[in-house]
Amino acid sequence: MPYTQMNLIISSDIESCFPRLRVLTFRITNVKVRKQDAKLEKFKNELINNIKKQYNLDSLKDVASFRAYRDFFWKIRVDPTKNRPAAEALIRRILRGENLRRINNLVDAYNLASIKTEIALAAFDADKLRGNLLMRIAEVGEKFMGIGMSKPMILQGGEVVISDEEKLVAIYPHRDADDTKVTEQTRNVLLLICGVPGIPEKSLQNAANVAIEFITRFCEGGGRVIE
């Protein structure tokens, strides 16, 4: 089977603070990660053209899904004017005429899915994760090494984080850990569909469908889209 659902446990304190927060996770196996893909680049250009027709910079502030992510960011003490929600940040780059960064075909594919669906997505090298994942409140002094960081950041306590049984893998829902990132050596991927209060579960399911479709189309994971 090309993908299976994998457990993410939400701690009681997170559930108490954000009872309508939902997250979907899927494990996609046997992917082929490459630095770039010509078919993906063509598809990306088509999607970019559609995005330019659908949005403008002035109207982004009124998009309901982006408002939901910004509201959540304020509640977890992240300034969304400095750290934009992922999908909004990508769309803003497009509307400003800036190029989307190329990472690899898998990361680029789920970024396009994020753009298309307005939902924040993340992916981890599943073989570098240990046990189930736990979403919880960070403790004071925990260290987190995010992608692109030169040194770990020291958490203040109160941040929403995701950990496996050994380490932090994300500050939810906007920064992922360096040592579990997807690389060209990755073969199995844990895909995270990042919800916040105000995002309907059907929107998360749609984002999962689109992300799995894009990943399996361009990364040879195979399989069908979830119904």
Protein backbone atom coordinates (compact mmCIF):
# COMPACT_ATOMS: atom_id res chain seq x y z
CA MET A 1 0.00 0.00 0.00
CA PRO A 2 1.55 3.36 -1.04
CA TYR A 3 0.39 5.34 1.98
CA THR A 4 -0.90 4.63 5.46
CA GLN A 5 -2.17 6.86 8.23
CA MET A 6 0.25 7.40 11.13
CA ASN A 7 -0.56 8.50 14.67
CA LEU A 8 -0.15 12.01 15.96
CA ILE A 9 -1.25 12.40 19.56
CA ILE A 10 -2.51 15.82 20.66
CA SER A 11 -1.81 16.50 24.33
CA SER A 12 -4.62 17.36 26.73
CA ASP A 13 -3.35 20.91 27.26
CA ILE A 14 -3.40 21.59 23.51
CA GLU A 15 -6.90 20.10 23.27
CA SER A 16 -8.00 22.28 26.16
CA CYS A 17 -6.62 25.47 24.57
CA PHE A 18 -7.63 24.64 21.00
CA PRO A 19 -10.50 22.12 21.03
CA ARG A 20 -11.21 22.59 17.30
CA LEU A 21 -7.65 21.98 16.16
CA ARG A 22 -7.34 19.04 13.76
CA VAL A 23 -4.26 17.54 12.06
CA LEU A 24 -4.08 14.76 9.45
CA THR A 25 -0.99 12.60 8.94
CA PHE A 26 -0.12 10.14 6.19
CA ARG A 27 2.92 7.99 5.57
CA ILE A 28 3.83 7.74 1.87
CA THR A 29 6.31 5.02 0.94
CA ASN A 30 8.78 4.38 -1.87
CA VAL A 31 9.08 7.95 -3.10
CA LYS A 32 11.89 9.03 -5.40
CA VAL A 33 13.26 12.43 -4.40
CA ARG A 34 15.20 14.35 -7.04
CA LYS A 35 16.71 17.79 -7.09
CA GLN A 36 14.36 18.91 -9.85
CA ASP A 37 11.82 17.62 -12.34
CA ALA A 38 11.00 19.15 -15.73
CA LYS A 39 7.34 18.04 -15.66
CA LEU A 40 6.94 19.50 -12.18
CA GLU A 41 8.41 22.82 -13.36
CA LYS A 42 5.92 22.99 -16.22
CA PHE A 43 3.08 22.19 -13.84
CA LYS A 44 4.33 24.80 -11.38
CA ASN A 45 4.27 27.52 -14.05
CA GLU A 46 0.68 26.64 -14.95
CA LEU A 47 -0.36 26.79 -11.30
CA ILE A 48 1.42 30.12 -10.79
CA ASN A 49 -0.49 31.63 -13.71
CA ASN A 50 -3.77 30.50 -12.17
CA ILE A 51 -2.81 31.92 -8.77
CA LYS A 52 -2.10 35.32 -10.31
CA LYS A 53 -5.63 35.34 -11.71
CA GLN A 54 -7.23 34.17 -8.47
CA TYR A 55 -5.62 36.48 -5.89
CA ASN A 56 -4.15 39.92 -5.44
CA LEU A 57 -2.02 41.25 -2.59
CA ASP A 58 -4.75 43.52 -1.26
CA SER A 59 -7.33 40.74 -0.99
CA LEU A 60 -5.15 38.15 0.76
CA LYS A 61 -5.92 39.59 4.18
CA ASP A 62 -9.59 38.73 3.65
CA VAL A 63 -9.11 35.05 2.71
CA ALA A 64 -10.81 33.07 5.48
CA SER A 65 -8.21 30.30 5.74
CA PHE A 66 -5.35 32.77 6.00
CA ARG A 67 -7.22 34.71 8.69
CA ALA A 68 -7.62 31.48 10.66
CA TYR A 69 -3.88 30.76 10.53
CA ARG A 70 -3.00 34.35 11.47
CA ASP A 71 -5.40 34.26 14.42
CA PHE A 72 -3.79 31.03 15.61
CA PHE A 73 -0.31 32.51 15.24
CA TRP A 74 -1.23 35.46 17.46
CA LYS A 75 -2.57 33.08 20.11
CA ILE A 76 0.70 31.09 20.18
CA ARG A 77 2.77 34.30 20.32
CA VAL A 78 4.04 34.20 16.73
CA ASP A 79 3.73 37.49 14.82
CA PRO A 80 2.12 36.55 11.45
CA THR A 81 3.28 39.81 9.89
CA LYS A 82 6.87 38.63 10.40
CA ASN A 83 6.34 34.86 10.08
CA ARG A 84 3.60 34.46 7.50
CA PRO A 85 1.50 31.28 7.43
CA ALA A 86 3.07 28.96 4.86
CA ALA A 87 0.50 29.02 2.06
CA GLU A 88 -0.01 32.77 2.36
CA ALA A 89 3.75 33.37 2.26
CA LEU A 90 4.12 31.30 -0.91
CA ILE A 91 1.22 33.05 -2.63
CA ARG A 92 2.60 36.45 -1.64
CA ARG A 93 5.90 35.53 -3.31
CA ILE A 94 4.06 34.68 -6.50
CA LEU A 95 2.03 37.88 -6.49
CA ARG A 96 5.18 39.95 -5.91
CA GLY A 97 6.75 38.35 -8.98
CA GLU A 98 9.36 36.45 -6.98
CA ASN A 99 10.46 32.92 -7.86
CA LEU A 100 9.46 30.03 -5.63
CA ARG A 101 12.52 28.41 -4.12
CA ARG A 102 13.45 25.01 -5.51
CA ILE A 103 14.17 22.49 -2.75
CA ASN A 104 13.55 19.10 -4.33
CA ASN A 105 10.68 17.57 -6.27
CA LEU A 106 8.86 16.29 -3.20
CA VAL A 107 9.05 19.50 -1.16
CA ASP A 108 8.23 21.53 -4.27
CA ALA A 109 5.22 19.27 -4.97
CA TYR A 110 3.68 19.67 -1.52
CA ASN A 111 4.39 23.40 -1.57
CA LEU A 112 2.30 23.58 -4.75
CA ALA A 113 -0.43 21.62 -2.98
CA SER A 114 -0.27 24.12 -0.12
CA ILE A 115 -0.61 26.99 -2.59
CA LYS A 116 -3.56 25.35 -4.36
CA THR A 117 -5.48 24.48 -1.18
CA GLU A 118 -4.47 27.38 1.16
CA ILE A 119 -3.53 24.81 3.81
CA ALA A 120 -0.18 24.58 5.61
CA LEU A 121 1.62 21.29 4.90
CA ALA A 122 4.82 19.70 6.17
CA ALA A 123 6.74 16.53 5.36
CA PHE A 124 9.38 14.62 7.28
CA ASP A 125 11.72 11.77 6.46
CA ALA A 126 9.68 9.02 8.12
CA ASP A 127 12.71 6.76 8.61
CA LYS A 128 14.26 9.38 10.89
CA LEU A 129 11.23 9.54 13.18
CA ARG A 130 10.98 7.38 16.29
CA GLY A 131 7.58 6.18 17.43
CA ASN A 132 4.39 8.22 17.32
CA LEU A 133 4.35 11.99 17.23
CA LEU A 134 3.11 14.19 20.06
CA MET A 135 1.82 17.74 19.74
CA ARG A 136 2.37 19.51 23.05
CA ILE A 137 3.40 22.74 24.76
CA ALA A 138 7.16 23.32 24.76
CA GLU A 139 9.07 23.50 28.00
CA VAL A 140 11.38 26.40 28.86
CA GLY A 141 14.90 25.81 27.59
CA GLU A 142 14.17 23.12 25.01
CA LYS A 143 16.45 23.36 21.98
CA PHE A 144 15.21 23.30 18.41
CA MET A 145 17.35 23.15 15.27
CA GLY A 146 15.23 24.26 12.35
CA ILE A 147 15.94 23.94 8.66
CA GLY A 148 18.50 26.54 7.62
CA MET A 149 19.52 27.50 11.16
CA SER A 150 23.21 27.82 11.99
CA LYS A 151 22.60 27.06 15.67
CA PRO A 152 19.68 25.79 17.76
CA MET A 153 17.12 28.20 19.11
CA ILE A 154 16.26 28.05 22.81
CA LEU A 155 12.52 27.87 23.31
CA GLN A 156 10.87 30.21 25.78
CA GLY A 157 8.20 27.73 26.81
CA GLY A 158 4.61 27.89 25.64
CA GLU A 159 5.30 27.26 21.96
CA VAL A 160 3.25 24.56 20.25
CA VAL A 161 5.69 21.85 19.19
CA ILE A 162 5.67 18.36 17.73
CA SER A 163 8.10 15.76 19.03
CA ASP A 164 8.73 12.10 18.42
CA GLU A 165 9.94 9.84 21.22
CA GLU A 166 13.45 11.34 21.09
CA LYS A 167 13.43 14.89 19.75
CA LEU A 168 11.53 17.94 18.53
CA VAL A 169 10.60 17.73 14.86
CA ALA A 170 8.60 20.95 14.40
CA ILE A 171 7.39 24.19 15.88
CA TYR A 172 3.77 23.99 14.78
CA PRO A 173 2.73 24.95 12.20
CA HIS A 174 5.52 27.00 10.68
CA ARG A 175 9.03 25.58 11.21
CA ASP A 176 10.43 22.06 10.73
CA ALA A 177 13.54 20.43 12.17
CA ASP A 178 16.68 20.08 10.09
CA ASP A 179 17.52 16.48 10.94
CA THR A 180 14.17 15.08 9.76
CA LYS A 181 13.84 17.14 6.57
CA VAL A 182 13.19 15.51 3.20
CA THR A 183 16.35 15.03 1.12
CA GLU A 184 17.30 13.12 -2.01
CA GLN A 185 18.08 10.15 0.24
CA THR A 186 14.53 10.08 1.63
CA ARG A 187 12.44 7.05 0.65
CA ASN A 188 9.48 7.22 3.04
CA VAL A 189 7.68 10.40 4.00
CA LEU A 190 5.36 11.45 6.79
CA LEU A 191 3.01 14.09 5.42
CA LEU A 192 1.39 16.50 7.89
CA ILE A 193 -1.80 18.40 7.01
CA CYS A 194 -1.69 21.28 9.47
CA GLY A 195 -5.05 22.49 10.69
CA VAL A 196 -5.90 25.30 13.08
CA PRO A 197 -9.24 26.34 14.65
CA GLY A 198 -11.46 27.75 11.94
CA ILE A 199 -10.23 25.42 9.18
CA PRO A 200 -12.95 22.84 8.36
CA GLU A 201 -11.87 19.20 8.41
CA LYS A 202 -13.12 18.80 4.84
CA SER A 203 -10.55 21.42 3.79
CA LEU A 204 -7.81 19.38 5.48
CA GLN A 205 -9.01 16.22 3.73
CA ASN A 206 -9.02 18.03 0.39
CA ALA A 207 -5.48 19.28 1.02
CA ALA A 208 -4.43 15.70 1.83
CA ASN A 209 -5.94 14.47 -1.43
CA VAL A 210 -4.21 17.17 -3.46
CA ALA A 211 -0.84 16.76 -1.73
CA ILE A 212 -0.84 12.98 -2.14
CA GLU A 213 -1.86 13.35 -5.77
CA PHE A 214 0.97 15.81 -6.48
CA ILE A 215 3.58 13.80 -4.56
CA THR A 216 2.68 10.50 -6.18
CA ARG A 217 2.50 12.12 -9.62
CA PHE A 218 5.95 13.67 -9.49
CA CYS A 219 7.79 11.49 -6.96
CA GLU A 220 6.67 8.05 -8.14
CA GLY A 221 5.09 7.03 -4.85
CA GLY A 222 2.18 5.43 -6.69
CA GLY A 223 -1.33 4.88 -5.38
CA ARG A 224 -4.72 6.49 -5.47
CA VAL A 225 -6.02 9.68 -3.91
CA ILE A 226 -7.89 9.28 -0.62
CA GLU A 227 -11.65 9.37 -1.05
